[in-house]
C-alpha atoms as a PDB file:
ATOM      1  CA  MET A   1      56.913 100.717 116.429  1.00  0.00           C
ATOM      2  CA  ILE A   2      56.658 101.833 113.418  1.00  0.00           C
ATOM      3  CA  GLY A   3      54.738  99.538 110.934  1.00  0.00           C
ATOM      4  CA  GLY A   4      54.386  97.228 113.651  1.00  0.00           C
ATOM      5  CA  ALA A   5      58.746  96.455 114.140  1.00  0.00           C
ATOM      6  CA  PRO A   6      60.177  97.978 116.915  1.00  0.00           C
ATOM      7  CA  GLU A   7      62.256 101.292 116.685  1.00  0.00           C
ATOM      8  CA  ARG A   8      65.762 100.388 116.981  1.00  0.00           C
ATOM      9  CA  THR A   9      68.223 103.004 119.109  1.00  0.00           C
ATOM     10  CA  GLY A  10      71.328 103.434 119.917  1.00  0.00           C
ATOM     11  CA  ALA A  11      73.928 100.685 118.804  1.00  0.00           C
ATOM     12  CA  ASP A  12      71.278  98.465 117.478  1.00  0.00           C
ATOM     13  CA  SER A  13      70.331 101.184 114.546  1.00  0.00           C
ATOM     14  CA  ALA A  14      74.350 100.227 112.754  1.00  0.00           C
ATOM     15  CA  VAL A  15      73.443  96.405 113.011  1.00  0.00           C
ATOM     16  CA  GLY A  16      73.193  95.300 109.278  1.00  0.00           C
ATOM     17  CA  ARG A  17      73.856  98.863 107.872  1.00  0.00           C
ATOM     18  CA  PRO A  18      77.731  99.167 106.120  1.00  0.00           C
ATOM     19  CA  VAL A  19      79.946 101.469 107.816  1.00  0.00           C
ATOM     20  CA  ALA A  20      82.598 103.392 105.830  1.00  0.00           C
ATOM     21  CA  LEU A  21      86.083 103.092 106.999  1.00  0.00           C
ATOM     22  CA  ILE A  22      86.439 106.624 107.495  1.00  0.00           C
ATOM     23  CA  ASP A  23      83.512 106.337 109.746  1.00  0.00           C
ATOM     24  CA  LEU A  24      85.359 103.533 111.400  1.00  0.00           C
ATOM     25  CA  LEU A  25      88.382 105.597 112.154  1.00  0.00           C
ATOM     26  CA  ASP A  26      86.854 108.738 113.466  1.00  0.00           C
ATOM     27  CA  ARG A  27      84.910 106.571 116.262  1.00  0.00           C
ATOM     28  CA  LEU A  28      88.395 104.789 116.749  1.00  0.00           C
ATOM     29  CA  LEU A  29      90.153 108.296 117.604  1.00  0.00           C
ATOM     30  CA  ASN A  30      87.460 109.646 118.965  1.00  0.00           C
ATOM     31  CA  GLY A  31      87.510 107.275 121.593  1.00  0.00           C
ATOM     32  CA  GLY A  32      91.023 105.495 121.673  1.00  0.00           C
ATOM     33  CA  ALA A  33      92.164 102.283 121.734  1.00  0.00           C
ATOM     34  CA  VAL A  34      94.296  99.484 123.339  1.00  0.00           C
ATOM     35  CA  VAL A  35      95.936  96.695 121.251  1.00  0.00           C
ATOM     36  CA  THR A  36      97.648  94.382 122.756  1.00  0.00           C
ATOM     37  CA  GLY A  37      99.108  90.730 121.656  1.00  0.00           C
ATOM     38  CA  ASP A  38     101.859  88.518 122.026  1.00  0.00           C
ATOM     39  CA  ILE A  39     104.186  86.813 119.149  1.00  0.00           C
ATOM     40  CA  VAL A  40     106.294  83.544 120.755  1.00  0.00           C
ATOM     41  CA  LEU A  41     108.673  82.237 118.290  1.00  0.00           C
ATOM     42  CA  SER A  42     109.504  78.319 118.972  1.00  0.00           C
ATOM     43  CA  VAL A  43     111.282  75.586 117.070  1.00  0.00           C
ATOM     44  CA  ALA A  44     110.410  71.944 118.486  1.00  0.00           C
ATOM     45  CA  ASP A  45     108.321  73.120 121.065  1.00  0.00           C
ATOM     46  CA  VAL A  46     111.315  75.365 122.625  1.00  0.00           C
ATOM     47  CA  ASP A  47     110.383  78.929 123.219  1.00  0.00           C
ATOM     48  CA  LEU A  48     113.599  81.221 121.332  1.00  0.00           C
ATOM     49  CA  VAL A  49     111.907  84.577 121.130  1.00  0.00           C
ATOM     50  CA  HIS A  50     108.697  86.459 122.739  1.00  0.00           C
ATOM     51  CA  ILE A  51     107.619  89.492 122.017  1.00  0.00           C
ATOM     52  CA  ASN A  52     104.841  91.359 124.072  1.00  0.00           C
ATOM     53  CA  LEU A  53     103.087  94.349 122.111  1.00  0.00           C
ATOM     54  CA  ARG A  54     100.974  97.062 123.207  1.00  0.00           C
ATOM     55  CA  ALA A  55      99.653 100.270 121.833  1.00  0.00           C
ATOM     56  CA  VAL A  56      97.684 102.866 122.452  1.00  0.00           C
ATOM     57  CA  ILE A  57      95.842 105.080 119.722  1.00  0.00           C
ATOM     58  CA  ARG A  58      94.094 107.940 120.005  1.00  0.00           C
ATOM     59  CA  SER A  59      93.994 111.172 118.722  1.00  0.00           C
ATOM     60  CA  ILE A  60      95.759 114.376 119.625  1.00  0.00           C
ATOM     61  CA  THR A  61      93.714 117.612 119.609  1.00  0.00           C
ATOM     62  CA  ALA A  62      95.354 121.099 120.917  1.00  0.00           C
ATOM     63  CA  ASP A  63      93.028 120.808 124.088  1.00  0.00           C
ATOM     64  CA  GLU A  64      94.245 117.296 124.496  1.00  0.00           C
ATOM     65  CA  PRO A  65      98.142 117.498 123.577  1.00  0.00           C
ATOM     66  CA  GLY A  66     100.634 114.525 123.708  1.00  0.00           C
ATOM     67  CA  PRO A  67     102.382 113.760 126.316  1.00  0.00           C
ATOM     68  CA  TRP A  68     105.663 114.856 124.908  1.00  0.00           C
END
């Protein structure tokens, strides 16, 4: 404890602190992410089109090349 306040470590240290967009993108690309979603177009409660979306976002390096 410093000055009566508990010390923050790990993920708690970022709470309340502004994060730059580039730092957020860096963390996202280093760890990767999966984005999923569903889109349904309907008229009068009749589903006409159903689209299921899945995307994987990650960085490609020389050590870990892409699958192609």
